């Protein structure tokens, strides 16, 4: 029967403790990254629902109210702004006959709790209402 000295047992326990501490740190870090990814996915999903509604809706009214059955997130609210982006077009395209003007749509998702913007997107869309009398 093999007997171990006290120093060998202490060293073995120290190595075991260090490896367990590293494993627990890795698990904790992974759990934080998963939670962060889930929050990012949720915020992106909320943003895309607001963006789909705004981009399919006619008009450029900054006071858009998204119906609750489409945007059912009581902890968040969308902030929608429209901007003229014709100055971003190349000079040779600006004055062409029949050129449909562009409108920039900025959609922000703001958390109710701290009024912090959690995600946003800026999309350029054609403004057909301005082109049709």
N, C-alpha and C. Protein backbone atom coordinates (compact mmCIF):
# COMPACT_ATOMS: atom_id res chain seq x y z
N UNK A 1 0.83 -1.17 0.00
CA UNK A 1 0.00 0.00 0.00
C UNK A 1 0.89 1.25 0.00
N UNK A 2 0.60 2.17 -0.94
CA UNK A 2 1.41 3.38 -1.11
C UNK A 2 0.85 4.47 -0.20
N UNK A 3 1.71 5.11 0.55
CA UNK A 3 1.31 6.21 1.42
C UNK A 3 1.88 7.50 0.85
N UNK A 4 1.06 8.58 0.95
CA UNK A 4 1.48 9.89 0.47
C UNK A 4 1.88 10.74 1.65
N UNK A 5 2.86 11.60 1.40
CA UNK A 5 3.25 12.52 2.46
C UNK A 5 2.28 13.68 2.49
N UNK A 6 2.30 14.40 3.57
CA UNK A 6 1.40 15.55 3.74
C UNK A 6 1.64 16.60 2.67
N UNK A 7 2.86 16.84 2.31
CA UNK A 7 3.18 17.85 1.30
C UNK A 7 2.62 17.44 -0.06
N UNK A 8 2.65 16.16 -0.40
CA UNK A 8 2.10 15.68 -1.67
C UNK A 8 0.58 15.87 -1.70
N UNK A 9 -0.08 15.60 -0.60
CA UNK A 9 -1.53 15.77 -0.51
C UNK A 9 -1.91 17.24 -0.64
N UNK A 10 -1.16 18.13 0.02
CA UNK A 10 -1.44 19.57 -0.03
C UNK A 10 -1.23 20.10 -1.45
N UNK A 11 -0.17 19.66 -2.11
CA UNK A 11 0.10 20.09 -3.48
C UNK A 11 -1.01 19.59 -4.41
N UNK A 12 -1.41 18.35 -4.24
CA UNK A 12 -2.49 17.79 -5.08
C UNK A 12 -3.79 18.55 -4.86
N UNK A 13 -4.12 18.86 -3.62
CA UNK A 13 -5.33 19.64 -3.33
C UNK A 13 -5.23 21.06 -3.89
N UNK A 14 -4.06 21.65 -3.84
CA UNK A 14 -3.85 22.98 -4.41
C UNK A 14 -4.07 22.99 -5.91
N UNK A 15 -3.53 21.98 -6.59
CA UNK A 15 -3.72 21.87 -8.05
C UNK A 15 -5.19 21.66 -8.37
N UNK A 16 -5.87 20.81 -7.61
CA UNK A 16 -7.29 20.56 -7.81
C UNK A 16 -8.10 21.84 -7.58
N UNK A 17 -7.77 22.58 -6.53
CA UNK A 17 -8.49 23.83 -6.23
C UNK A 17 -8.29 24.86 -7.35
N UNK A 18 -7.08 25.00 -7.86
CA UNK A 18 -6.81 25.95 -8.95
C UNK A 18 -7.56 25.56 -10.21
N UNK A 19 -7.59 24.28 -10.53
CA UNK A 19 -8.30 23.86 -11.74
C UNK A 19 -9.81 24.05 -11.58
N UNK A 20 -10.36 23.81 -10.41
CA UNK A 20 -11.79 24.05 -10.17
C UNK A 20 -12.11 25.54 -10.22
N UNK A 21 -11.22 26.37 -9.69
CA UNK A 21 -11.44 27.82 -9.73
C UNK A 21 -11.45 28.31 -11.18
N UNK A 22 -10.54 27.80 -11.99
CA UNK A 22 -10.51 28.17 -13.41
C UNK A 22 -11.77 27.74 -14.13
N UNK A 23 -12.24 26.54 -13.84
CA UNK A 23 -13.46 26.03 -14.46
C UNK A 23 -14.66 26.87 -14.05
N UNK A 24 -14.76 27.21 -12.77
CA UNK A 24 -15.88 28.03 -12.31
C UNK A 24 -15.84 29.43 -12.92
N UNK A 25 -14.65 30.00 -13.08
CA UNK A 25 -14.51 31.30 -13.73
C UNK A 25 -14.95 31.24 -15.18
N UNK A 26 -14.59 30.16 -15.87
CA UNK A 26 -14.99 29.97 -17.26
C UNK A 26 -16.51 29.83 -17.37
N UNK A 27 -17.12 29.09 -16.47
CA UNK A 27 -18.57 28.92 -16.49
C UNK A 27 -19.28 30.24 -16.21
N UNK A 28 -18.78 31.00 -15.26
CA UNK A 28 -19.37 32.30 -14.93
C UNK A 28 -19.28 33.27 -16.12
N UNK A 29 -18.12 33.31 -16.75
CA UNK A 29 -17.92 34.17 -17.91
C UNK A 29 -18.84 33.76 -19.05
N UNK A 30 -18.98 32.46 -19.27
CA UNK A 30 -19.86 31.97 -20.33
C UNK A 30 -21.31 32.36 -20.06
N UNK A 31 -21.73 32.26 -18.82
CA UNK A 31 -23.10 32.61 -18.46
C UNK A 31 -23.37 34.10 -18.69
N UNK A 32 -22.40 34.96 -18.38
CA UNK A 32 -22.55 36.39 -18.62
C UNK A 32 -22.65 36.69 -20.12
N UNK A 33 -21.83 36.00 -20.91
CA UNK A 33 -21.86 36.22 -22.37
C UNK A 33 -23.17 35.73 -22.97
N UNK A 34 -23.71 34.64 -22.46
CA UNK A 34 -25.00 34.14 -22.94
C UNK A 34 -26.11 35.14 -22.61
N UNK A 35 -26.09 35.67 -21.39
CA UNK A 35 -27.11 36.67 -20.99
C UNK A 35 -26.99 37.93 -21.85
N UNK A 36 -25.77 38.36 -22.13
CA UNK A 36 -25.55 39.54 -22.97
C UNK A 36 -26.04 39.29 -24.39
N UNK A 37 -25.77 38.10 -24.93
CA UNK A 37 -26.23 37.76 -26.27
C UNK A 37 -27.75 37.70 -26.34
N UNK A 38 -28.38 37.17 -25.30
CA UNK A 38 -29.83 37.10 -25.26
C UNK A 38 -30.45 38.50 -25.22
N UNK A 39 -29.87 39.40 -24.42
CA UNK A 39 -30.35 40.79 -24.38
C UNK A 39 -30.20 41.44 -25.74
N UNK A 40 -29.05 41.24 -26.38
CA UNK A 40 -28.81 41.82 -27.71
C UNK A 40 -29.83 41.29 -28.71
N UNK A 41 -30.10 39.99 -28.69
CA UNK A 41 -31.07 39.40 -29.61
C UNK A 41 -32.46 39.98 -29.35
N UNK A 42 -32.86 40.09 -28.07
CA UNK A 42 -34.17 40.65 -27.74
C UNK A 42 -34.30 42.09 -28.21
N UNK A 43 -33.27 42.90 -27.98
CA UNK A 43 -33.31 44.30 -28.40
C UNK A 43 -33.38 44.41 -29.93
N UNK A 44 -32.64 43.56 -30.62
CA UNK A 44 -32.68 43.57 -32.08
C UNK A 44 -34.05 43.15 -32.58
N UNK A 45 -34.66 42.17 -31.95
CA UNK A 45 -35.99 41.72 -32.35
C UNK A 45 -37.02 42.83 -32.15
N UNK A 46 -36.95 43.52 -31.03
CA UNK A 46 -37.85 44.64 -30.76
C UNK A 46 -37.65 45.73 -31.81
N UNK A 47 -36.39 46.04 -32.12
CA UNK A 47 -36.07 47.06 -33.12
C UNK A 47 -36.62 46.68 -34.49
N UNK A 48 -36.47 45.43 -34.88
CA UNK A 48 -36.94 45.01 -36.20
C UNK A 48 -38.47 45.06 -36.29
N UNK A 49 -39.17 44.78 -35.21
CA UNK A 49 -40.63 44.89 -35.26
C UNK A 49 -41.04 46.35 -35.45
N UNK A 50 -40.39 47.26 -34.75
CA UNK A 50 -40.70 48.68 -34.93
C UNK A 50 -40.32 49.13 -36.33
N UNK A 51 -39.17 48.70 -36.83
CA UNK A 51 -38.69 49.11 -38.16
C UNK A 51 -39.63 48.62 -39.25
N UNK A 52 -40.09 47.39 -39.16
CA UNK A 52 -40.99 46.87 -40.18
C UNK A 52 -42.27 47.70 -40.25
N UNK A 53 -42.81 48.05 -39.10
CA UNK A 53 -44.04 48.84 -39.09
C UNK A 53 -43.80 50.22 -39.69
N UNK A 54 -42.73 50.87 -39.27
CA UNK A 54 -42.45 52.23 -39.73
C UNK A 54 -42.14 52.26 -41.23
N UNK A 55 -41.37 51.30 -41.71
CA UNK A 55 -40.97 51.30 -43.12
C UNK A 55 -42.12 50.94 -44.06
N UNK A 56 -43.08 50.20 -43.58
CA UNK A 56 -44.23 49.85 -44.42
C UNK A 56 -45.34 50.88 -44.35
N UNK A 57 -45.25 51.81 -43.44
CA UNK A 57 -46.28 52.83 -43.24
C UNK A 57 -45.99 54.03 -44.14
N UNK A 58 -47.03 54.63 -44.67
CA UNK A 58 -46.85 55.83 -45.49
C UNK A 58 -46.68 57.05 -44.59
N UNK A 59 -46.03 58.05 -45.14
CA UNK A 59 -45.89 59.32 -44.43
C UNK A 59 -44.59 59.43 -43.67
N UNK A 60 -44.32 60.67 -43.27
CA UNK A 60 -43.09 60.99 -42.55
C UNK A 60 -43.40 61.72 -41.24
N UNK A 61 -44.34 61.21 -40.51
CA UNK A 61 -44.76 61.85 -39.26
C UNK A 61 -43.92 61.33 -38.11
N UNK A 62 -43.19 62.23 -37.45
CA UNK A 62 -42.36 61.83 -36.31
C UNK A 62 -43.18 61.34 -35.12
N UNK A 63 -44.46 61.61 -35.11
CA UNK A 63 -45.32 61.22 -33.98
C UNK A 63 -46.05 59.90 -34.26
N UNK A 64 -45.40 58.96 -34.88
CA UNK A 64 -46.01 57.67 -35.20
C UNK A 64 -46.30 56.92 -33.90
N UNK A 65 -47.51 56.41 -33.79
CA UNK A 65 -47.89 55.55 -32.69
C UNK A 65 -47.99 54.13 -33.22
N UNK A 66 -47.15 53.25 -32.75
CA UNK A 66 -47.20 51.86 -33.18
C UNK A 66 -48.24 51.15 -32.32
N UNK A 67 -49.21 50.47 -32.95
CA UNK A 67 -50.25 49.79 -32.16
C UNK A 67 -49.66 48.75 -31.21
N UNK A 68 -50.32 48.57 -30.08
CA UNK A 68 -49.81 47.66 -29.06
C UNK A 68 -49.77 46.21 -29.54
N UNK A 69 -50.68 45.82 -30.44
CA UNK A 69 -50.63 44.43 -30.91
C UNK A 69 -49.41 44.16 -31.77
N UNK A 70 -48.76 45.21 -32.28
CA UNK A 70 -47.54 45.05 -33.06
C UNK A 70 -46.31 45.26 -32.18
N UNK A 71 -46.36 46.27 -31.33
CA UNK A 71 -45.23 46.60 -30.46
C UNK A 71 -45.68 46.43 -29.01
N UNK A 72 -45.67 45.19 -28.54
CA UNK A 72 -46.17 44.87 -27.20
C UNK A 72 -45.01 44.67 -26.22
N UNK A 73 -44.28 45.74 -25.99
CA UNK A 73 -43.13 45.71 -25.08
C UNK A 73 -43.27 46.88 -24.11
N UNK A 74 -43.91 46.67 -22.97
CA UNK A 74 -44.16 47.79 -22.05
C UNK A 74 -42.91 48.40 -21.45
N UNK A 75 -41.79 47.67 -21.44
CA UNK A 75 -40.56 48.21 -20.86
C UNK A 75 -39.75 49.06 -21.84
N UNK A 76 -40.19 49.14 -23.09
CA UNK A 76 -39.47 49.87 -24.13
C UNK A 76 -40.44 50.73 -24.93
N UNK A 77 -39.90 51.78 -25.55
CA UNK A 77 -40.70 52.56 -26.48
C UNK A 77 -39.81 53.02 -27.64
N UNK A 78 -40.41 53.12 -28.84
CA UNK A 78 -39.62 53.54 -30.00
C UNK A 78 -39.59 55.06 -30.15
N UNK A 79 -38.47 55.56 -30.62
CA UNK A 79 -38.34 56.98 -30.99
C UNK A 79 -38.00 56.99 -32.47
N UNK A 80 -38.89 57.60 -33.27
CA UNK A 80 -38.75 57.57 -34.72
C UNK A 80 -38.57 58.99 -35.23
N UNK A 81 -37.54 59.21 -36.02
CA UNK A 81 -37.31 60.53 -36.62
C UNK A 81 -37.03 60.35 -38.10
N UNK A 82 -37.51 61.31 -38.87
CA UNK A 82 -37.31 61.32 -40.32
C UNK A 82 -36.39 62.48 -40.67
N UNK A 83 -35.45 62.22 -41.59
CA UNK A 83 -34.50 63.24 -42.03
C UNK A 83 -34.42 63.22 -43.55
N UNK A 84 -34.19 64.39 -44.13
CA UNK A 84 -33.98 64.50 -45.57
C UNK A 84 -32.55 64.08 -45.86
N UNK A 85 -32.36 63.14 -46.77
CA UNK A 85 -31.02 62.65 -47.07
C UNK A 85 -30.63 62.89 -48.53
N UNK A 86 -31.34 63.79 -49.22
CA UNK A 86 -31.00 64.07 -50.62
C UNK A 86 -29.58 64.59 -50.78
N UNK A 87 -29.03 65.22 -49.74
CA UNK A 87 -27.67 65.74 -49.84
C UNK A 87 -26.63 64.62 -49.86
N UNK A 88 -27.04 63.39 -49.60
CA UNK A 88 -26.12 62.26 -49.64
C UNK A 88 -26.00 61.66 -51.04
N UNK A 89 -26.90 62.04 -51.93
CA UNK A 89 -26.85 61.52 -53.29
C UNK A 89 -25.73 62.18 -54.08
N UNK A 90 -25.15 61.47 -55.03
CA UNK A 90 -24.16 62.09 -55.91
C UNK A 90 -24.80 63.22 -56.72
N UNK A 91 -24.03 64.23 -57.07
CA UNK A 91 -24.52 65.42 -57.76
C UNK A 91 -25.24 65.08 -59.06
N UNK A 92 -24.75 64.11 -59.82
CA UNK A 92 -25.36 63.80 -61.12
C UNK A 92 -26.71 63.09 -60.98
N UNK A 93 -27.06 62.64 -59.80
CA UNK A 93 -28.35 61.97 -59.59
C UNK A 93 -29.41 62.88 -58.97
N UNK A 94 -29.00 64.00 -58.40
CA UNK A 94 -29.93 64.84 -57.65
C UNK A 94 -31.04 65.45 -58.50
N UNK A 95 -30.71 65.96 -59.66
CA UNK A 95 -31.68 66.72 -60.44
C UNK A 95 -32.25 65.94 -61.61
N UNK A 96 -32.20 64.64 -61.58
CA UNK A 96 -32.76 63.85 -62.67
C UNK A 96 -34.28 63.86 -62.59
N UNK A 97 -34.91 63.92 -63.75
CA UNK A 97 -36.36 63.91 -63.79
C UNK A 97 -36.88 62.55 -63.29
N UNK A 98 -37.86 62.59 -62.44
CA UNK A 98 -38.46 61.37 -61.92
C UNK A 98 -37.67 60.75 -60.77
N UNK A 99 -36.63 61.44 -60.32
CA UNK A 99 -35.84 60.92 -59.21
C UNK A 99 -36.69 60.94 -57.94
N UNK A 100 -36.87 59.79 -57.33
CA UNK A 100 -37.66 59.68 -56.10
C UNK A 100 -36.78 60.14 -54.94
N UNK A 101 -37.28 61.09 -54.15
CA UNK A 101 -36.46 61.58 -53.02
C UNK A 101 -36.28 60.51 -51.95
N UNK A 102 -35.14 60.58 -51.28
CA UNK A 102 -34.86 59.67 -50.18
C UNK A 102 -35.21 60.34 -48.86
N UNK A 103 -35.66 59.52 -47.93
CA UNK A 103 -35.92 59.97 -46.58
C UNK A 103 -35.17 59.03 -45.64
N UNK A 104 -34.45 59.60 -44.71
CA UNK A 104 -33.76 58.79 -43.71
C UNK A 104 -34.68 58.56 -42.52
N UNK A 105 -34.77 57.34 -42.09
CA UNK A 105 -35.61 56.99 -40.94
C UNK A 105 -34.69 56.44 -39.86
N UNK A 106 -34.67 57.14 -38.72
CA UNK A 106 -33.89 56.67 -37.58
C UNK A 106 -34.85 56.11 -36.55
N UNK A 107 -34.65 54.86 -36.18
CA UNK A 107 -35.52 54.20 -35.22
C UNK A 107 -34.66 53.80 -34.03
N UNK A 108 -35.03 54.32 -32.87
CA UNK A 108 -34.32 54.00 -31.64
C UNK A 108 -35.27 53.25 -30.71
N UNK A 109 -34.74 52.30 -29.97
CA UNK A 109 -35.51 51.63 -28.94
C UNK A 109 -34.94 52.10 -27.60
N UNK A 110 -35.81 52.70 -26.79
CA UNK A 110 -35.41 53.29 -25.52
C UNK A 110 -36.03 52.49 -24.38
N UNK A 111 -35.22 52.18 -23.38
CA UNK A 111 -35.70 51.47 -22.20
C UNK A 111 -36.44 52.45 -21.29
N UNK A 112 -37.65 52.10 -20.86
CA UNK A 112 -38.48 52.97 -20.01
C UNK A 112 -37.76 53.28 -18.70
N UNK A 113 -37.15 52.30 -18.11
CA UNK A 113 -36.58 52.39 -16.77
C UNK A 113 -35.56 53.52 -16.62
N UNK A 114 -34.60 53.59 -17.54
CA UNK A 114 -33.53 54.58 -17.41
C UNK A 114 -33.44 55.53 -18.60
N UNK A 115 -34.41 55.45 -19.52
CA UNK A 115 -34.46 56.32 -20.71
C UNK A 115 -33.19 56.21 -21.55
N UNK A 116 -32.58 55.04 -21.56
CA UNK A 116 -31.35 54.80 -22.31
C UNK A 116 -31.68 54.10 -23.62
N UNK A 117 -31.06 54.57 -24.72
CA UNK A 117 -31.22 53.91 -26.01
C UNK A 117 -30.45 52.60 -25.99
N UNK A 118 -31.17 51.49 -26.21
CA UNK A 118 -30.51 50.18 -26.17
C UNK A 118 -30.07 49.72 -27.55
N UNK A 119 -30.76 50.18 -28.60
CA UNK A 119 -30.37 49.84 -29.96
C UNK A 119 -31.02 50.82 -30.92
N UNK A 120 -30.43 50.97 -32.10
CA UNK A 120 -30.98 51.89 -33.09
C UNK A 120 -30.55 51.46 -34.48
N UNK A 121 -31.30 51.95 -35.46
CA UNK A 121 -30.96 51.69 -36.85
C UNK A 121 -31.37 52.91 -37.67
N UNK A 122 -30.61 53.20 -38.70
CA UNK A 122 -30.93 54.28 -39.64
C UNK A 122 -31.10 53.64 -41.01
N UNK A 123 -32.27 53.86 -41.62
CA UNK A 123 -32.59 53.27 -42.91
C UNK A 123 -33.01 54.37 -43.86
N UNK A 124 -32.48 54.35 -45.08
CA UNK A 124 -32.92 55.28 -46.13
C UNK A 124 -34.03 54.59 -46.92
N UNK A 125 -35.11 55.31 -47.14
CA UNK A 125 -36.21 54.75 -47.93
C UNK A 125 -36.66 55.78 -48.96
N UNK A 126 -37.27 55.28 -50.02
CA UNK A 126 -37.82 56.17 -51.03
C UNK A 126 -39.07 56.82 -50.49
N UNK A 127 -39.25 58.10 -50.79
CA UNK A 127 -40.42 58.84 -50.34
C UNK A 127 -41.34 59.03 -51.55
N UNK A 128 -42.17 58.05 -51.84
CA UNK A 128 -43.03 58.08 -53.01
C UNK A 128 -44.15 59.12 -52.88
N UNK A 129 -44.53 59.48 -51.64
CA UNK A 129 -45.62 60.44 -51.46
C UNK A 129 -45.24 61.81 -52.01
N UNK A 130 -43.98 62.19 -51.87
CA UNK A 130 -43.53 63.49 -52.35
C UNK A 130 -43.47 63.55 -53.87
N UNK A 131 -43.30 62.41 -54.50
CA UNK A 131 -43.13 62.35 -55.95
C UNK A 131 -44.45 62.28 -56.68
N UNK A 132 -45.53 61.87 -56.00
CA UNK A 132 -46.84 61.76 -56.63
C UNK A 132 -47.74 62.90 -56.20
N UNK A 133 -48.24 63.72 -57.14
CA UNK A 133 -49.11 64.83 -56.76
C UNK A 133 -50.48 64.34 -56.36
